[in-house]
Amino acid sequence: MPKSPPLPRFEELVDRLEALVKTLEGEGLDLESSLRAFEEGVALARQCHQRLDEAERRVEVLRRRPDGTVAGEPFTPGREEP
């Protein structure tokens, strides 16, 4: 089975998304080109959001226990630190 191409890095996705935004903000695109750029931008934004969600799940918060040792535990967004 052939290998799928490597996924672009998050930074590459963001760079492409920024380039699309600049293109859309400029003048000179016809309606069809604008729609294609917009659709690509939405797809890129979704990919970026998915990557951020994946990264968040991988992040662990290091917490110091009462005995002085440090333990990792899953990151919980919005949780107050003691």
PDB file of N, CA and C in Angstrom:
ATOM      1  N   MET A   1       0.844  -1.171   0.000  1.00  0.00           N
ATOM      2  CA  MET A   1       0.000   0.000   0.000  1.00  0.00           C
ATOM      3  C   MET A   1       0.897   1.246   0.000  1.00  0.00           C
ATOM      4  N   PRO A   2       0.643   2.223  -0.864  1.00  0.00           N
ATOM      5  CA  PRO A   2       1.505   3.406  -0.921  1.00  0.00           C
ATOM      6  C   PRO A   2       1.335   4.274   0.325  1.00  0.00           C
ATOM      7  N   LYS A   3       2.459   4.875   0.715  1.00  0.00           N
ATOM      8  CA  LYS A   3       2.431   5.765   1.870  1.00  0.00           C
ATOM      9  C   LYS A   3       1.720   7.062   1.488  1.00  0.00           C
ATOM     10  N   SER A   4       0.954   7.593   2.434  1.00  0.00           N
ATOM     11  CA  SER A   4       0.329   8.887   2.185  1.00  0.00           C
ATOM     12  C   SER A   4       1.388   9.971   2.420  1.00  0.00           C
ATOM     13  N   PRO A   5       1.254  11.090   1.713  1.00  0.00           N
ATOM     14  CA  PRO A   5       2.256  12.152   1.882  1.00  0.00           C
ATOM     15  C   PRO A   5       2.221  12.683   3.313  1.00  0.00           C
ATOM     16  N   PRO A   6       3.358  13.175   3.809  1.00  0.00           N
ATOM     17  CA  PRO A   6       3.381  13.695   5.182  1.00  0.00           C
ATOM     18  C   PRO A   6       2.457  14.903   5.299  1.00  0.00           C
ATOM     19  N   LEU A   7       1.859  15.029   6.468  1.00  0.00           N
ATOM     20  CA  LEU A   7       0.984  16.169   6.717  1.00  0.00           C
ATOM     21  C   LEU A   7       1.821  17.439   6.814  1.00  0.00           C
ATOM     22  N   PRO A   8       1.282  18.547   6.309  1.00  0.00           N
ATOM     23  CA  PRO A   8       2.022  19.809   6.452  1.00  0.00           C
ATOM     24  C   PRO A   8       2.110  20.197   7.923  1.00  0.00           C
ATOM     25  N   ARG A   9       3.173  20.891   8.249  1.00  0.00           N
ATOM     26  CA  ARG A   9       3.347  21.369   9.622  1.00  0.00           C
ATOM     27  C   ARG A   9       2.281  22.424   9.925  1.00  0.00           C
ATOM     28  N   PHE A  10       1.952  22.571  11.191  1.00  0.00           N
ATOM     29  CA  PHE A  10       0.956  23.558  11.620  1.00  0.00           C
ATOM     30  C   PHE A  10       1.316  24.949  11.107  1.00  0.00           C
ATOM     31  N   GLU A  11       2.597  25.289  11.223  1.00  0.00           N
ATOM     32  CA  GLU A  11       3.045  26.620  10.795  1.00  0.00           C
ATOM     33  C   GLU A  11       2.833  26.824   9.298  1.00  0.00           C
ATOM     34  N   GLU A  12       3.003  25.775   8.520  1.00  0.00           N
ATOM     35  CA  GLU A  12       2.763  25.862   7.079  1.00  0.00           C
ATOM     36  C   GLU A  12       1.280  26.103   6.789  1.00  0.00           C
ATOM     37  N   LEU A  13       0.419  25.453   7.554  1.00  0.00           N
ATOM     38  CA  LEU A  13      -1.017  25.668   7.393  1.00  0.00           C
ATOM     39  C   LEU A  13      -1.383  27.115   7.702  1.00  0.00           C
ATOM     40  N   VAL A  14      -0.836  27.632   8.790  1.00  0.00           N
ATOM     41  CA  VAL A  14      -1.126  29.013   9.188  1.00  0.00           C
ATOM     42  C   VAL A  14      -0.588  29.992   8.144  1.00  0.00           C
ATOM     43  N   ASP A  15       0.611  29.746   7.641  1.00  0.00           N
ATOM     44  CA  ASP A  15       1.187  30.625   6.612  1.00  0.00           C
ATOM     45  C   ASP A  15       0.299  30.661   5.370  1.00  0.00           C
ATOM     46  N   ARG A  16      -0.175  29.498   4.943  1.00  0.00           N
ATOM     47  CA  ARG A  16      -1.046  29.436   3.761  1.00  0.00           C
ATOM     48  C   ARG A  16      -2.364  30.149   4.035  1.00  0.00           C
ATOM     49  N   LEU A  17      -2.909  29.968   5.235  1.00  0.00           N
ATOM     50  CA  LEU A  17      -4.150  30.638   5.598  1.00  0.00           C
ATOM     51  C   LEU A  17      -3.977  32.156   5.594  1.00  0.00           C
ATOM     52  N   GLU A  18      -2.868  32.633   6.137  1.00  0.00           N
ATOM     53  CA  GLU A  18      -2.596  34.075   6.125  1.00  0.00           C
ATOM     54  C   GLU A  18      -2.473  34.596   4.700  1.00  0.00           C
ATOM     55  N   ALA A  19      -1.822  33.840   3.819  1.00  0.00           N
ATOM     56  CA  ALA A  19      -1.683  34.254   2.423  1.00  0.00           C
ATOM     57  C   ALA A  19      -3.050  34.335   1.753  1.00  0.00           C
ATOM     58  N   LEU A  20      -3.922  33.388   2.047  1.00  0.00           N
ATOM     59  CA  LEU A  20      -5.264  33.421   1.470  1.00  0.00           C
ATOM     60  C   LEU A  20      -6.050  34.638   1.952  1.00  0.00           C
ATOM     61  N   VAL A  21      -5.922  34.954   3.226  1.00  0.00           N
ATOM     62  CA  VAL A  21      -6.618  36.119   3.773  1.00  0.00           C
ATOM     63  C   VAL A  21      -6.150  37.388   3.067  1.00  0.00           C
ATOM     64  N   LYS A  22      -4.841  37.526   2.878  1.00  0.00           N
ATOM     65  CA  LYS A  22      -4.323  38.706   2.174  1.00  0.00           C
ATOM     66  C   LYS A  22      -4.853  38.762   0.752  1.00  0.00           C
ATOM     67  N   THR A  23      -4.912  37.617   0.103  1.00  0.00           N
ATOM     68  CA  THR A  23      -5.433  37.571  -1.263  1.00  0.00           C
ATOM     69  C   THR A  23      -6.896  37.992  -1.289  1.00  0.00           C
ATOM     70  N   LEU A  24      -7.674  37.498  -0.351  1.00  0.00           N
ATOM     71  CA  LEU A  24      -9.091  37.835  -0.303  1.00  0.00           C
ATOM     72  C   LEU A  24      -9.312  39.303   0.060  1.00  0.00           C
ATOM     73  N   GLU A  25      -8.434  39.861   0.866  1.00  0.00           N
ATOM     74  CA  GLU A  25      -8.557  41.272   1.245  1.00  0.00           C
ATOM     75  C   GLU A  25      -8.172  42.203   0.095  1.00  0.00           C
ATOM     76  N   GLY A  26      -7.358  41.708  -0.818  1.00  0.00           N
ATOM     77  CA  GLY A  26      -6.938  42.510  -1.954  1.00  0.00           C
ATOM     78  C   GLY A  26      -8.044  42.609  -2.991  1.00  0.00           C
ATOM     79  N   GLU A  27      -7.711  43.243  -4.055  1.00  0.00           N
ATOM     80  CA  GLU A  27      -8.671  43.396  -5.143  1.00  0.00           C
ATOM     81  C   GLU A  27      -8.223  42.550  -6.321  1.00  0.00           C
ATOM     82  N   GLY A  28      -9.126  42.313  -7.222  1.00  0.00           N
ATOM     83  CA  GLY A  28      -8.729  41.666  -8.455  1.00  0.00           C
ATOM     84  C   GLY A  28      -9.195  40.237  -8.617  1.00  0.00           C
ATOM     85  N   LEU A  29      -9.697  39.599  -7.562  1.00  0.00           N
ATOM     86  CA  LEU A  29     -10.196  38.239  -7.719  1.00  0.00           C
ATOM     87  C   LEU A  29     -11.634  38.273  -8.227  1.00  0.00           C
ATOM     88  N   ASP A  30     -11.923  37.407  -9.176  1.00  0.00           N
ATOM     89  CA  ASP A  30     -13.316  37.290  -9.600  1.00  0.00           C
ATOM     90  C   ASP A  30     -14.071  36.470  -8.554  1.00  0.00           C
ATOM     91  N   LEU A  31     -15.373  36.394  -8.706  1.00  0.00           N
ATOM     92  CA  LEU A  31     -16.201  35.723  -7.708  1.00  0.00           C
ATOM     93  C   LEU A  31     -15.812  34.265  -7.533  1.00  0.00           C
ATOM     94  N   GLU A  32     -15.620  33.540  -8.609  1.00  0.00           N
ATOM     95  CA  GLU A  32     -15.297  32.116  -8.529  1.00  0.00           C
ATOM     96  C   GLU A  32     -13.960  31.892  -7.817  1.00  0.00           C
ATOM     97  N   SER A  33     -12.961  32.696  -8.144  1.00  0.00           N
ATOM     98  CA  SER A  33     -11.653  32.585  -7.482  1.00  0.00           C
ATOM     99  C   SER A  33     -11.755  32.920  -6.001  1.00  0.00           C
ATOM    100  N   SER A  34     -12.559  33.917  -5.678  1.00  0.00           N
ATOM    101  CA  SER A  34     -12.767  34.293  -4.278  1.00  0.00           C
ATOM    102  C   SER A  34     -13.418  33.156  -3.508  1.00  0.00           C
ATOM    103  N   LEU A  35     -14.407  32.519  -4.112  1.00  0.00           N
ATOM    104  CA  LEU A  35     -15.077  31.404  -3.448  1.00  0.00           C
ATOM    105  C   LEU A  35     -14.130  30.231  -3.221  1.00  0.00           C
ATOM    106  N   ARG A  36     -13.299  29.923  -4.220  1.00  0.00           N
ATOM    107  CA  ARG A  36     -12.328  28.831  -4.060  1.00  0.00           C
ATOM    108  C   ARG A  36     -11.341  29.150  -2.945  1.00  0.00           C
ATOM    109  N   ALA A  37     -10.866  30.397  -2.911  1.00  0.00           N
ATOM    110  CA  ALA A  37      -9.924  30.798  -1.860  1.00  0.00           C
ATOM    111  C   ALA A  37     -10.595  30.726  -0.491  1.00  0.00           C
ATOM    112  N   PHE A  38     -11.843  31.162  -0.422  1.00  0.00           N
ATOM    113  CA  PHE A  38     -12.577  31.112   0.840  1.00  0.00           C
ATOM    114  C   PHE A  38     -12.758  29.675   1.301  1.00  0.00           C
ATOM    115  N   GLU A  39     -13.153  28.787   0.394  1.00  0.00           N
ATOM    116  CA  GLU A  39     -13.335  27.375   0.743  1.00  0.00           C
ATOM    117  C   GLU A  39     -12.031  26.751   1.223  1.00  0.00           C
ATOM    118  N   GLU A  40     -10.940  27.075   0.552  1.00  0.00           N
ATOM    119  CA  GLU A  40      -9.645  26.553   0.984  1.00  0.00           C
ATOM    120  C   GLU A  40      -9.301  27.087   2.374  1.00  0.00           C
ATOM    121  N   GLY A  41      -9.591  28.360   2.601  1.00  0.00           N
ATOM    122  CA  GLY A  41      -9.317  28.961   3.902  1.00  0.00           C
ATOM    123  C   GLY A  41     -10.103  28.306   5.026  1.00  0.00           C
ATOM    124  N   VAL A  42     -11.371  28.011   4.762  1.00  0.00           N
ATOM    125  CA  VAL A  42     -12.194  27.334   5.775  1.00  0.00           C
ATOM    126  C   VAL A  42     -11.617  25.952   6.076  1.00  0.00           C
ATOM    127  N   ALA A  43     -11.216  25.226   5.050  1.00  0.00           N
ATOM    128  CA  ALA A  43     -10.626  23.892   5.246  1.00  0.00           C
ATOM    129  C   ALA A  43      -9.323  23.992   6.044  1.00  0.00           C
ATOM    130  N   LEU A  44      -8.501  24.986   5.734  1.00  0.00           N
ATOM    131  CA  LEU A  44      -7.246  25.169   6.473  1.00  0.00           C
ATOM    132  C   LEU A  44      -7.516  25.528   7.930  1.00  0.00           C
ATOM    133  N   ALA A  45      -8.493  26.408   8.160  1.00  0.00           N
ATOM    134  CA  ALA A  45      -8.830  26.795   9.533  1.00  0.00           C
ATOM    135  C   ALA A  45      -9.286  25.571  10.325  1.00  0.00           C
ATOM    136  N   ARG A  46     -10.047  24.697   9.700  1.00  0.00           N
ATOM    137  CA  ARG A  46     -10.490  23.475  10.378  1.00  0.00           C
ATOM    138  C   ARG A  46      -9.302  22.572  10.700  1.00  0.00           C
ATOM    139  N   GLN A  47      -8.373  22.449   9.761  1.00  0.00           N
ATOM    140  CA  GLN A  47      -7.175  21.633  10.005  1.00  0.00           C
ATOM    141  C   GLN A  47      -6.371  22.203  11.170  1.00  0.00           C
ATOM    142  N   CYS A  48      -6.213  23.526  11.184  1.00  0.00           N
ATOM    143  CA  CYS A  48      -5.465  24.173  12.271  1.00  0.00           C
ATOM    144  C   CYS A  48      -6.150  23.914  13.608  1.00  0.00           C
ATOM    145  N   HIS A  49      -7.461  24.052  13.640  1.00  0.00           N
ATOM    146  CA  HIS A  49      -8.212  23.825  14.876  1.00  0.00           C
ATOM    147  C   HIS A  49      -8.054  22.373  15.335  1.00  0.00           C
ATOM    148  N   GLN A  50      -8.101  21.437  14.403  1.00  0.00           N
ATOM    149  CA  GLN A  50      -7.930  20.024  14.744  1.00  0.00           C
ATOM    150  C   GLN A  50      -6.540  19.775  15.319  1.00  0.00           C
ATOM    151  N   ARG A  51      -5.524  20.375  14.703  1.00  0.00           N
ATOM    152  CA  ARG A  51      -4.158  20.199  15.200  1.00  0.00           C
ATOM    153  C   ARG A  51      -4.010  20.770  16.605  1.00  0.00           C
ATOM    154  N   LEU A  52      -4.629  21.937  16.846  1.00  0.00           N
ATOM    155  CA  LEU A  52      -4.557  22.535  18.180  1.00  0.00           C
ATOM    156  C   LEU A  52      -5.264  21.659  19.214  1.00  0.00           C
ATOM    157  N   ASP A  53      -6.400  21.087  18.835  1.00  0.00           N
ATOM    158  CA  ASP A  53      -7.098  20.176  19.733  1.00  0.00           C
ATOM    159  C   ASP A  53      -6.217  18.968  20.070  1.00  0.00           C
ATOM    160  N   GLU A  54      -5.545  18.418  19.058  1.00  0.00           N
ATOM    161  CA  GLU A  54      -4.660  17.274  19.281  1.00  0.00           C
ATOM    162  C   GLU A  54      -3.508  17.650  20.206  1.00  0.00           C
ATOM    163  N   ALA A  55      -2.936  18.825  19.984  1.00  0.00           N
ATOM    164  CA  ALA A  55      -1.822  19.278  20.827  1.00  0.00           C
ATOM    165  C   ALA A  55      -2.279  19.463  22.265  1.00  0.00           C
ATOM    166  N   GLU A  56      -3.473  20.005  22.434  1.00  0.00           N
ATOM    167  CA  GLU A  56      -3.999  20.221  23.780  1.00  0.00           C
ATOM    168  C   GLU A  56      -4.141  18.897  24.528  1.00  0.00           C
ATOM    169  N   ARG A  57      -4.577  17.872  23.826  1.00  0.00           N
ATOM    170  CA  ARG A  57      -4.727  16.568  24.470  1.00  0.00           C
ATOM    171  C   ARG A  57      -3.376  15.985  24.882  1.00  0.00           C
ATOM    172  N   ARG A  58      -2.323  16.393  24.202  1.00  0.00           N
ATOM    173  CA  ARG A  58      -0.997  15.854  24.518  1.00  0.00           C
ATOM    174  C   ARG A  58      -0.299  16.592  25.649  1.00  0.00           C
ATOM    175  N   VAL A  59      -0.758  17.796  25.901  1.00  0.00           N
ATOM    176  CA  VAL A  59      -0.108  18.619  26.923  1.00  0.00           C
ATOM    177  C   VAL A  59      -0.430  18.064  28.305  1.00  0.00           C
ATOM    178  N   GLU A  60       0.577  17.999  29.122  1.00  0.00           N
ATOM    179  CA  GLU A  60       0.369  17.622  30.511  1.00  0.00           C
ATOM    180  C   GLU A  60       0.826  18.755  31.403  1.00  0.00           C
ATOM    181  N   VAL A  61       0.116  18.904  32.484  1.00  0.00           N
ATOM    182  CA  VAL A  61       0.471  19.905  33.479  1.00  0.00           C
ATOM    183  C   VAL A  61       1.296  19.209  34.548  1.00  0.00           C
ATOM    184  N   LEU A  62       2.436  19.770  34.839  1.00  0.00           N
ATOM    185  CA  LEU A  62       3.257  19.213  35.924  1.00  0.00           C
ATOM    186  C   LEU A  62       2.819  19.845  37.239  1.00  0.00           C
ATOM    187  N   ARG A  63       2.495  19.008  38.185  1.00  0.00           N
ATOM    188  CA  ARG A  63       2.029  19.499  39.471  1.00  0.00           C
ATOM    189  C   ARG A  63       2.915  18.932  40.575  1.00  0.00           C
ATOM    190  N   ARG A  64       3.212  19.759  41.538  1.00  0.00           N
ATOM    191  CA  ARG A  64       4.012  19.329  42.682  1.00  0.00           C
ATOM    192  C   ARG A  64       3.081  18.724  43.736  1.00  0.00           C
ATOM    193  N   ARG A  65       3.420  17.512  44.136  1.00  0.00           N
ATOM    194  CA  ARG A  65       2.655  16.822  45.176  1.00  0.00           C
ATOM    195  C   ARG A  65       3.093  17.317  46.545  1.00  0.00           C
ATOM    196  N   PRO A  66       2.273  17.030  47.567  1.00  0.00           N
ATOM    197  CA  PRO A  66       2.654  17.459  48.927  1.00  0.00           C
ATOM    198  C   PRO A  66       3.999  16.909  49.386  1.00  0.00           C
ATOM    199  N   ASP A  67       4.402  15.722  48.866  1.00  0.00           N
ATOM    200  CA  ASP A  67       5.683  15.150  49.288  1.00  0.00           C
ATOM    201  C   ASP A  67       6.866  15.747  48.518  1.00  0.00           C
ATOM    202  N   GLY A  68       6.598  16.730  47.633  1.00  0.00           N
ATOM    203  CA  GLY A  68       7.668  17.398  46.905  1.00  0.00           C
ATOM    204  C   GLY A  68       7.957  16.823  45.533  1.00  0.00           C
ATOM    205  N   THR A  69       7.392  15.663  45.223  1.00  0.00           N
ATOM    206  CA  THR A  69       7.610  15.086  43.897  1.00  0.00           C
ATOM    207  C   THR A  69       6.718  15.787  42.876  1.00  0.00           C
ATOM    208  N   VAL A  70       7.116  15.661  41.628  1.00  0.00           N
ATOM    209  CA  VAL A  70       6.350  16.282  40.546  1.00  0.00           C
ATOM    210  C   VAL A  70       5.660  15.183  39.753  1.00  0.00           C
ATOM    211  N   ALA A  71       4.389  15.385  39.467  1.00  0.00           N
ATOM    212  CA  ALA A  71       3.618  14.395  38.720  1.00  0.00           C
ATOM    213  C   ALA A  71       2.943  15.067  37.539  1.00  0.00           C
ATOM    214  N   GLY A  72       2.851  14.335  36.451  1.00  0.00           N
ATOM    215  CA  GLY A  72       2.136  14.840  35.290  1.00  0.00           C
ATOM    216  C   GLY A  72       0.696  14.383  35.330  1.00  0.00           C
ATOM    217  N   GLU A  73      -0.173  15.256  34.880  1.00  0.00           N
ATOM    218  CA  GLU A  73      -1.582  14.891  34.757  1.00  0.00           C
ATOM    219  C   GLU A  73      -2.133  15.577  33.518  1.00  0.00           C
ATOM    220  N   PRO A  74      -3.195  15.043  32.967  1.00  0.00           N
ATOM    221  CA  PRO A  74      -3.730  15.618  31.739  1.00  0.00           C
ATOM    222  C   PRO A  74      -4.108  17.077  31.923  1.00  0.00           C
ATOM    223  N   PHE A  75      -3.915  17.854  30.887  1.00  0.00           N
ATOM    224  CA  PHE A  75      -4.266  19.261  30.879  1.00  0.00           C
ATOM    225  C   PHE A  75      -5.781  19.389  30.812  1.00  0.00           C
ATOM    226  N   THR A  76      -6.344  20.235  31.671  1.00  0.00           N
ATOM    227  CA  THR A  76      -7.768  20.517  31.641  1.00  0.00           C
ATOM    228  C   THR A  76      -7.950  22.010  31.446  1.00  0.00           C
ATOM    229  N   PRO A  77      -8.438  22.434  30.274  1.00  0.00           N
ATOM    230  CA  PRO A  77      -8.609  23.858  30.024  1.00  0.00           C
ATOM    231  C   PRO A  77      -9.566  24.494  31.034  1.00  0.00           C
ATOM    232  N   GLY A  78      -9.221  25.672  31.483  1.00  0.00           N
ATOM    233  CA  GLY A  78     -10.092  26.410  32.384  1.00  0.00           C
ATOM    234  C   GLY A  78      -9.984  26.022  33.841  1.00  0.00           C
ATOM    235  N   ARG A  79      -9.170  24.994  34.138  1.00  0.00           N
ATOM    236  CA  ARG A  79      -9.040  24.555  35.524  1.00  0.00           C
ATOM    237  C   ARG A  79      -8.183  25.551  36.290  1.00  0.00           C
ATOM    238  N   GLU A  80      -8.607  25.887  37.464  1.00  0.00           N
ATOM    239  CA  GLU A  80      -7.835  26.774  38.324  1.00  0.00           C
ATOM    240  C   GLU A  80      -6.687  26.005  38.964  1.00  0.00           C
ATOM    241  N   GLU A  81      -5.530  26.602  38.996  1.00  0.00           N
ATOM    242  CA  GLU A  81      -4.386  25.995  39.667  1.00  0.00           C
ATOM    243  C   GLU A  81      -4.503  26.255  41.164  1.00  0.00           C
ATOM    244  N   PRO A  82      -4.155  25.272  42.009  1.00  0.00           N
ATOM    245  CA  PRO A  82      -4.239  25.473  43.470  1.00  0.00           C
ATOM    246  C   PRO A  82      -3.175  26.431  43.960  1.00  0.00           C
TER     247      PRO A  82
END
